[in-house]
Amino acid sequence: MPKPFTQAQVDRRLDPAAEAPEKFEALATALIDELDGKERDLEIRDPWSWRRSGRRGASSQGASSMQQFRQDVEDIVILERDEEARLARRIDFARMRLERARQRAGLKPDQGETSAHEPRPRRVARRALELHALRTEMVERNLYLVLINVERYVLHASNRQDLIQEGSLALFRAVDGFDWRRGLLFRTYAVHWLNQAFRNYLYNHTHTVRVPVYLQKALKHINQATIRIGDPDASPAEIAANSELSEQLVTSALAAARSSYSIDAGPGGAGDEAEGSRLRDLLVIDAEEGGPYSPRIEDVSLEQGIGRALELLSERERRVICLRFGLAGEEPHTLAQVAQVLGVSVERVRQIQVRALGKMDTPLLRRELEPFLN
């Protein structure tokens, strides 16, 4: 087996592209042809080679997972500008070589690096491993960016590790989208991806029920308008006039901002666990219901929402929907069974069902039924 082609040798062949980026493709193609012809693999560096000497295997006894992670990141040597540019060119080169290997193996570009049914050819697997190793090096040597930028988005201790995980994944996406030819530092480009990942996480995971991003952005303007007005109980009309938002949007955003609480939590929230102070202990227990919860405490029940939807239908449409989906005490039926009950064709039942579902699909009913849908 030929000796692997070292990273330093790759850099020497691709360095002329630093001054003339337009030459990179020709230089990379020539090197790919040479290495493939000799069946030479690229060197895969030991991850400890970009960590500070003397730290290998070191660990802090009694340290938390976050403290250990911070220590690990501090041990990683940050890339200098020239090193970063060389690594970016290696990644670009490895990606081109992987695509060449895929083409020769008869794999389509959209099949990805793996196949669910067949093992990859050895050459494709090796090229994918080489690219992955280079991408991982770029990500690891920029993990400090995650720790620097995450502090702006941490709301409480429980979501810090989740945000760091999202930021680490965002770095891989940044590596895939980074173009070294533009002359930018990778860190400048990566911060955009990190901020986007952190915001998306907070938008999507800080509420028990996911609130659409446009409503959360509206809430930011609503809060600013409320501060300007100086009245925390300002009406939607007053907020709309002060925030340049429509009154309908203000009303929807305020409704979406309502908090959810577990009945097993303390009155002060999840952290209040004093004995005998759970919210469920403060609720009046209905003897008929057998517990502190009753559907009557909901703003709208599933039964009420479906009932309002069925009121929009004709008698025949209502009958078809109830039979098809097991409503109003009926068992779910197939199209053929419904056709037999009504004495019509299966196609006719399908047409009635489509028309009925179209009538039921209204914005008002969607809002009422949304809490019950996955």
Foldseek 3Di string as FASTA:
>chain_A
DDEADELVNVCVQQVVCVVPVVCNVVSLVVVLVVCVVVVHAHDQDDLCVQFAPPCVPPADPPDDPVVRVVVLLVRGHADDQVRQLSLLSVLVSLVVSLVVVCVVVVHDPVCPLADPPDGDPPSNVRSVVRNVSSLVSQLSNCLVLQVVPLVVQDPDDVCSVVLSVLLSVLSSVLSVPDDCVVVDDSSVSSNVSSVVSSVVCCQQPVAPDRDDPVLVVVVVLLVVLCVVVVHPPDQLVSSCVRRVHDSVSSVVSVVVPDHDADQQDFPVGNVDNPPCRGNQNVADDDVVVPGRDDQVVDPADPVRLVVVLLVQDDPVLSVLVCQCPVPPNHDHDDLVVVCVVVVHDSVVSVVSPVVSVVSSPDPVSCVRCVVVDD
